[in-house]
């Protein structure tokens, strides 16, 4: 998901959906379509080649398709 940060910056956040929600999102989602996502914000942390890394993602409970 791309998030506009009120300027020249855009943040990208991974969103994970499961079961019927995942099926609906896969069927109706289009690039550029606006959505509202509610769920749990999760920070994954791991180490690769001795370097600590992290990533923010959302485990979605609900995705609402907004107007174009």
PDB file of N, CA and C in Angstrom:
ATOM      1  N   UNK A   1       0.853  -1.152   0.000  1.00  0.00           N
ATOM      2  CA  UNK A   1       0.000   0.000   0.000  1.00  0.00           C
ATOM      3  C   UNK A   1       0.903   1.219   0.000  1.00  0.00           C
ATOM      4  N   UNK A   2       0.591   2.210  -0.828  1.00  0.00           N
ATOM      5  CA  UNK A   2       1.331   3.464  -0.873  1.00  0.00           C
ATOM      6  C   UNK A   2       0.598   4.496  -0.025  1.00  0.00           C
ATOM      7  N   UNK A   3       1.345   5.219   0.793  1.00  0.00           N
ATOM      8  CA  UNK A   3       0.767   6.234   1.680  1.00  0.00           C
ATOM      9  C   UNK A   3       1.379   7.578   1.340  1.00  0.00           C
ATOM     10  N   UNK A   4       0.535   8.562   0.965  1.00  0.00           N
ATOM     11  CA  UNK A   4       1.005   9.904   0.646  1.00  0.00           C
ATOM     12  C   UNK A   4       1.321  10.644   1.940  1.00  0.00           C
ATOM     13  N   UNK A   5       2.516  11.187   2.035  1.00  0.00           N
ATOM     14  CA  UNK A   5       2.952  11.884   3.247  1.00  0.00           C
ATOM     15  C   UNK A   5       2.886  13.400   3.100  1.00  0.00           C
ATOM     16  N   UNK A   6       1.883  13.903   2.404  1.00  0.00           N
ATOM     17  CA  UNK A   6       1.650  15.340   2.250  1.00  0.00           C
ATOM     18  C   UNK A   6       2.883  16.069   1.737  1.00  0.00           C
ATOM     19  N   UNK A   7       3.374  15.663   0.637  1.00  0.00           N
ATOM     20  CA  UNK A   7       4.528  16.312   0.046  1.00  0.00           C
ATOM     21  C   UNK A   7       5.093  15.447  -1.048  1.00  0.00           C
ATOM     22  N   UNK A   8       6.402  15.497  -1.175  1.00  0.00           N
ATOM     23  CA  UNK A   8       7.060  14.747  -2.228  1.00  0.00           C
ATOM     24  C   UNK A   8       7.370  13.314  -1.832  1.00  0.00           C
ATOM     25  N   UNK A   9       7.074  12.935  -0.590  1.00  0.00           N
ATOM     26  CA  UNK A   9       7.439  11.603  -0.122  1.00  0.00           C
ATOM     27  C   UNK A   9       6.236  10.666  -0.111  1.00  0.00           C
ATOM     28  N   UNK A  10       6.501   9.419  -0.460  1.00  0.00           N
ATOM     29  CA  UNK A  10       5.499   8.367  -0.397  1.00  0.00           C
ATOM     30  C   UNK A  10       6.092   7.207   0.387  1.00  0.00           C
ATOM     31  N   UNK A  11       5.332   6.674   1.320  1.00  0.00           N
ATOM     32  CA  UNK A  11       5.762   5.503   2.085  1.00  0.00           C
ATOM     33  C   UNK A  11       5.011   4.283   1.570  1.00  0.00           C
ATOM     34  N   UNK A  12       5.685   3.142   1.579  1.00  0.00           N
ATOM     35  CA  UNK A  12       5.065   1.895   1.154  1.00  0.00           C
ATOM     36  C   UNK A  12       4.989   0.948   2.339  1.00  0.00           C
ATOM     37  N   UNK A  13       3.791   0.445   2.609  1.00  0.00           N
ATOM     38  CA  UNK A  13       3.551  -0.431   3.745  1.00  0.00           C
ATOM     39  C   UNK A  13       2.939  -1.736   3.220  1.00  0.00           C
ATOM     40  N   UNK A  14       3.505  -2.859   3.628  1.00  0.00           N
ATOM     41  CA  UNK A  14       2.947  -4.153   3.243  1.00  0.00           C
ATOM     42  C   UNK A  14       1.678  -4.415   4.041  1.00  0.00           C
ATOM     43  N   UNK A  15       0.677  -4.979   3.377  1.00  0.00           N
ATOM     44  CA  UNK A  15      -0.588  -5.338   4.022  1.00  0.00           C
ATOM     45  C   UNK A  15      -0.836  -6.822   3.768  1.00  0.00           C
ATOM     46  N   UNK A  16      -1.098  -7.569   4.838  1.00  0.00           N
ATOM     47  CA  UNK A  16      -1.385  -8.993   4.729  1.00  0.00           C
ATOM     48  C   UNK A  16      -2.859  -9.236   5.013  1.00  0.00           C
ATOM     49  N   UNK A  17      -3.525  -9.927   4.089  1.00  0.00           N
ATOM     50  CA  UNK A  17      -4.934 -10.275   4.238  1.00  0.00           C
ATOM     51  C   UNK A  17      -5.056 -11.793   4.205  1.00  0.00           C
ATOM     52  N   UNK A  18      -6.071 -12.328   4.883  1.00  0.00           N
ATOM     53  CA  UNK A  18      -6.282 -13.769   4.948  1.00  0.00           C
ATOM     54  C   UNK A  18      -7.701 -14.120   4.565  1.00  0.00           C
ATOM     55  N   UNK A  19      -7.899 -15.345   4.134  1.00  0.00           N
ATOM     56  CA  UNK A  19      -9.187 -15.975   3.868  1.00  0.00           C
ATOM     57  C   UNK A  19     -10.051 -15.163   2.885  1.00  0.00           C
ATOM     58  N   UNK A  20     -11.318 -14.968   3.219  1.00  0.00           N
ATOM     59  CA  UNK A  20     -12.267 -14.295   2.333  1.00  0.00           C
ATOM     60  C   UNK A  20     -11.845 -12.855   2.047  1.00  0.00           C
ATOM     61  N   UNK A  21     -11.272 -12.185   3.045  1.00  0.00           N
ATOM     62  CA  UNK A  21     -10.792 -10.818   2.830  1.00  0.00           C
ATOM     63  C   UNK A  21      -9.732 -10.807   1.731  1.00  0.00           C
ATOM     64  N   UNK A  22      -8.816 -11.755   1.757  1.00  0.00           N
ATOM     65  CA  UNK A  22      -7.776 -11.843   0.735  1.00  0.00           C
ATOM     66  C   UNK A  22      -8.383 -12.099  -0.644  1.00  0.00           C
ATOM     67  N   UNK A  23      -9.401 -12.954  -0.702  1.00  0.00           N
ATOM     68  CA  UNK A  23     -10.061 -13.236  -1.982  1.00  0.00           C
ATOM     69  C   UNK A  23     -10.719 -11.990  -2.551  1.00  0.00           C
ATOM     70  N   UNK A  24     -11.409 -11.220  -1.699  1.00  0.00           N
ATOM     71  CA  UNK A  24     -12.067  -9.988  -2.154  1.00  0.00           C
ATOM     72  C   UNK A  24     -11.063  -8.950  -2.621  1.00  0.00           C
ATOM     73  N   UNK A  25     -10.003  -8.776  -1.875  1.00  0.00           N
ATOM     74  CA  UNK A  25      -8.979  -7.798  -2.252  1.00  0.00           C
ATOM     75  C   UNK A  25      -8.337  -8.211  -3.581  1.00  0.00           C
ATOM     76  N   UNK A  26      -8.034  -9.490  -3.738  1.00  0.00           N
ATOM     77  CA  UNK A  26      -7.422  -9.967  -4.982  1.00  0.00           C
ATOM     78  C   UNK A  26      -8.347  -9.739  -6.184  1.00  0.00           C
ATOM     79  N   UNK A  27      -9.645  -9.882  -5.970  1.00  0.00           N
ATOM     80  CA  UNK A  27     -10.594  -9.726  -7.069  1.00  0.00           C
ATOM     81  C   UNK A  27     -10.851  -8.271  -7.448  1.00  0.00           C
ATOM     82  N   UNK A  28     -10.963  -7.381  -6.459  1.00  0.00           N
ATOM     83  CA  UNK A  28     -11.405  -6.019  -6.728  1.00  0.00           C
ATOM     84  C   UNK A  28     -10.319  -4.951  -6.668  1.00  0.00           C
ATOM     85  N   UNK A  29      -9.159  -5.251  -6.126  1.00  0.00           N
ATOM     86  CA  UNK A  29      -8.107  -4.242  -5.993  1.00  0.00           C
ATOM     87  C   UNK A  29      -7.486  -3.935  -7.345  1.00  0.00           C
ATOM     88  N   UNK A  30      -7.248  -2.655  -7.583  1.00  0.00           N
ATOM     89  CA  UNK A  30      -6.561  -2.191  -8.782  1.00  0.00           C
ATOM     90  C   UNK A  30      -5.506  -1.186  -8.352  1.00  0.00           C
ATOM     91  N   UNK A  31      -4.433  -1.105  -9.097  1.00  0.00           N
ATOM     92  CA  UNK A  31      -3.384  -0.140  -8.804  1.00  0.00           C
ATOM     93  C   UNK A  31      -3.978   1.268  -8.811  1.00  0.00           C
ATOM     94  N   UNK A  32      -3.681   2.031  -7.771  1.00  0.00           N
ATOM     95  CA  UNK A  32      -4.165   3.401  -7.670  1.00  0.00           C
ATOM     96  C   UNK A  32      -5.506   3.534  -6.971  1.00  0.00           C
ATOM     97  N   UNK A  33      -6.170   2.434  -6.693  1.00  0.00           N
ATOM     98  CA  UNK A  33      -7.479   2.490  -6.022  1.00  0.00           C
ATOM     99  C   UNK A  33      -7.288   2.844  -4.549  1.00  0.00           C
ATOM    100  N   UNK A  34      -8.120   3.742  -4.050  1.00  0.00           N
ATOM    101  CA  UNK A  34      -8.032   4.161  -2.657  1.00  0.00           C
ATOM    102  C   UNK A  34      -8.753   3.173  -1.762  1.00  0.00           C
ATOM    103  N   UNK A  35      -8.105   2.830  -0.648  1.00  0.00           N
ATOM    104  CA  UNK A  35      -8.688   1.910   0.319  1.00  0.00           C
ATOM    105  C   UNK A  35      -8.431   2.424   1.730  1.00  0.00           C
ATOM    106  N   UNK A  36      -9.280   2.017   2.633  1.00  0.00           N
ATOM    107  CA  UNK A  36      -9.070   2.228   4.064  1.00  0.00           C
ATOM    108  C   UNK A  36      -8.786   0.876   4.683  1.00  0.00           C
ATOM    109  N   UNK A  37      -7.719   0.768   5.448  1.00  0.00           N
ATOM    110  CA  UNK A  37      -7.323  -0.509   6.040  1.00  0.00           C
ATOM    111  C   UNK A  37      -7.317  -0.383   7.556  1.00  0.00           C
ATOM    112  N   UNK A  38      -7.979  -1.326   8.229  1.00  0.00           N
ATOM    113  CA  UNK A  38      -7.880  -1.417   9.687  1.00  0.00           C
ATOM    114  C   UNK A  38      -7.289  -2.772  10.024  1.00  0.00           C
ATOM    115  N   UNK A  39      -6.504  -2.790  11.080  1.00  0.00           N
ATOM    116  CA  UNK A  39      -5.875  -4.040  11.484  1.00  0.00           C
ATOM    117  C   UNK A  39      -4.785  -3.790  12.504  1.00  0.00           C
ATOM    118  N   UNK A  40      -3.887  -4.732  12.588  1.00  0.00           N
ATOM    119  CA  UNK A  40      -2.813  -4.683  13.570  1.00  0.00           C
ATOM    120  C   UNK A  40      -1.515  -4.239  12.894  1.00  0.00           C
ATOM    121  N   UNK A  41      -0.871  -3.226  13.460  1.00  0.00           N
ATOM    122  CA  UNK A  41       0.415  -2.754  12.974  1.00  0.00           C
ATOM    123  C   UNK A  41       1.506  -3.614  13.605  1.00  0.00           C
ATOM    124  N   UNK A  42       2.357  -4.201  12.759  1.00  0.00           N
ATOM    125  CA  UNK A  42       3.374  -5.144  13.221  1.00  0.00           C
ATOM    126  C   UNK A  42       4.743  -4.698  12.704  1.00  0.00           C
ATOM    127  N   UNK A  43       5.748  -4.814  13.555  1.00  0.00           N
ATOM    128  CA  UNK A  43       7.119  -4.537  13.123  1.00  0.00           C
ATOM    129  C   UNK A  43       7.894  -5.844  13.127  1.00  0.00           C
ATOM    130  N   UNK A  44       8.254  -6.308  11.931  1.00  0.00           N
ATOM    131  CA  UNK A  44       9.089  -7.508  11.810  1.00  0.00           C
ATOM    132  C   UNK A  44      10.542  -7.092  11.968  1.00  0.00           C
ATOM    133  N   UNK A  45      11.298  -7.886  12.702  1.00  0.00           N
ATOM    134  CA  UNK A  45      12.727  -7.613  12.893  1.00  0.00           C
ATOM    135  C   UNK A  45      13.509  -8.873  12.591  1.00  0.00           C
ATOM    136  N   UNK A  46      14.632  -8.725  11.898  1.00  0.00           N
ATOM    137  CA  UNK A  46      15.501  -9.847  11.585  1.00  0.00           C
ATOM    138  C   UNK A  46      16.915  -9.344  11.353  1.00  0.00           C
ATOM    139  N   UNK A  47      17.816 -10.281  11.221  1.00  0.00           N
ATOM    140  CA  UNK A  47      19.211  -9.938  10.975  1.00  0.00           C
ATOM    141  C   UNK A  47      19.658 -10.650   9.706  1.00  0.00           C
ATOM    142  N   UNK A  48      20.283  -9.900   8.808  1.00  0.00           N
ATOM    143  CA  UNK A  48      20.774 -10.460   7.552  1.00  0.00           C
ATOM    144  C   UNK A  48      22.211 -10.013   7.346  1.00  0.00           C
ATOM    145  N   UNK A  49      23.092 -10.969   7.158  1.00  0.00           N
ATOM    146  CA  UNK A  49      24.514 -10.688   6.961  1.00  0.00           C
ATOM    147  C   UNK A  49      25.079  -9.821   8.086  1.00  0.00           C
ATOM    148  N   UNK A  50      24.631 -10.084   9.316  1.00  0.00           N
ATOM    149  CA  UNK A  50      25.108  -9.347  10.474  1.00  0.00           C
ATOM    150  C   UNK A  50      24.502  -7.964  10.643  1.00  0.00           C
ATOM    151  N   UNK A  51      23.582  -7.596   9.760  1.00  0.00           N
ATOM    152  CA  UNK A  51      22.958  -6.274   9.812  1.00  0.00           C
ATOM    153  C   UNK A  51      21.510  -6.408  10.283  1.00  0.00           C
ATOM    154  N   UNK A  52      21.138  -5.633  11.303  1.00  0.00           N
ATOM    155  CA  UNK A  52      19.776  -5.663  11.819  1.00  0.00           C
ATOM    156  C   UNK A  52      18.856  -4.905  10.868  1.00  0.00           C
ATOM    157  N   UNK A  53      17.701  -5.518  10.607  1.00  0.00           N
ATOM    158  CA  UNK A  53      16.715  -4.921   9.708  1.00  0.00           C
ATOM    159  C   UNK A  53      15.331  -4.975  10.349  1.00  0.00           C
ATOM    160  N   UNK A  54      14.434  -4.130   9.851  1.00  0.00           N
ATOM    161  CA  UNK A  54      13.057  -4.169  10.320  1.00  0.00           C
ATOM    162  C   UNK A  54      12.140  -3.660   9.221  1.00  0.00           C
ATOM    163  N   UNK A  55      10.877  -4.028   9.347  1.00  0.00           N
ATOM    164  CA  UNK A  55       9.881  -3.634   8.363  1.00  0.00           C
ATOM    165  C   UNK A  55       8.537  -3.519   9.064  1.00  0.00           C
ATOM    166  N   UNK A  56       7.806  -2.464   8.748  1.00  0.00           N
ATOM    167  CA  UNK A  56       6.467  -2.254   9.288  1.00  0.00           C
ATOM    168  C   UNK A  56       5.456  -2.849   8.308  1.00  0.00           C
ATOM    169  N   UNK A  57       4.457  -3.577   8.827  1.00  0.00           N
ATOM    170  CA  UNK A  57       3.394  -4.104   7.978  1.00  0.00           C
ATOM    171  C   UNK A  57       2.083  -4.060   8.751  1.00  0.00           C
ATOM    172  N   UNK A  58       0.984  -4.259   8.024  1.00  0.00           N
ATOM    173  CA  UNK A  58      -0.341  -4.290   8.632  1.00  0.00           C
ATOM    174  C   UNK A  58      -0.948  -5.660   8.381  1.00  0.00           C
ATOM    175  N   UNK A  59      -1.399  -6.324   9.446  1.00  0.00           N
ATOM    176  CA  UNK A  59      -2.213  -7.532   9.328  1.00  0.00           C
ATOM    177  C   UNK A  59      -3.654  -7.047   9.296  1.00  0.00           C
ATOM    178  N   UNK A  60      -4.251  -7.042   8.115  1.00  0.00           N
ATOM    179  CA  UNK A  60      -5.563  -6.420   7.913  1.00  0.00           C
ATOM    180  C   UNK A  60      -6.691  -7.233   8.519  1.00  0.00           C
ATOM    181  N   UNK A  61      -7.611  -6.533   9.177  1.00  0.00           N
ATOM    182  CA  UNK A  61      -8.858  -7.135   9.635  1.00  0.00           C
ATOM    183  C   UNK A  61      -9.990  -6.740   8.693  1.00  0.00           C
ATOM    184  N   UNK A  62      -9.857  -5.541   8.107  1.00  0.00           N
ATOM    185  CA  UNK A  62     -10.889  -5.033   7.204  1.00  0.00           C
ATOM    186  C   UNK A  62     -10.251  -4.122   6.163  1.00  0.00           C
ATOM    187  N   UNK A  63     -10.712  -4.229   4.934  1.00  0.00           N
ATOM    188  CA  UNK A  63     -10.296  -3.338   3.857  1.00  0.00           C
ATOM    189  C   UNK A  63     -11.557  -2.757   3.247  1.00  0.00           C
ATOM    190  N   UNK A  64     -11.668  -1.440   3.266  1.00  0.00           N
ATOM    191  CA  UNK A  64     -12.833  -0.772   2.699  1.00  0.00           C
ATOM    192  C   UNK A  64     -12.405  -0.080   1.403  1.00  0.00           C
ATOM    193  N   UNK A  65     -13.103  -0.410   0.331  1.00  0.00           N
ATOM    194  CA  UNK A  65     -12.813   0.220  -0.942  1.00  0.00           C
ATOM    195  C   UNK A  65     -13.485   1.586  -0.983  1.00  0.00           C
ATOM    196  N   UNK A  66     -12.698   2.616  -1.232  1.00  0.00           N
ATOM    197  CA  UNK A  66     -13.199   3.977  -1.248  1.00  0.00           C
ATOM    198  C   UNK A  66     -13.467   4.397  -2.695  1.00  0.00           C
ATOM    199  N   UNK A  67     -14.037   5.582  -2.870  1.00  0.00           N
ATOM    200  CA  UNK A  67     -14.342   6.057  -4.234  1.00  0.00           C
ATOM    201  C   UNK A  67     -13.055   6.290  -5.005  1.00  0.00           C
ATOM    202  N   UNK A  68     -13.180   6.288  -6.313  1.00  0.00           N
ATOM    203  CA  UNK A  68     -12.022   6.499  -7.187  1.00  0.00           C
ATOM    204  C   UNK A  68     -11.560   7.916  -7.112  1.00  0.00           C
TER     205      UNK A  68
END
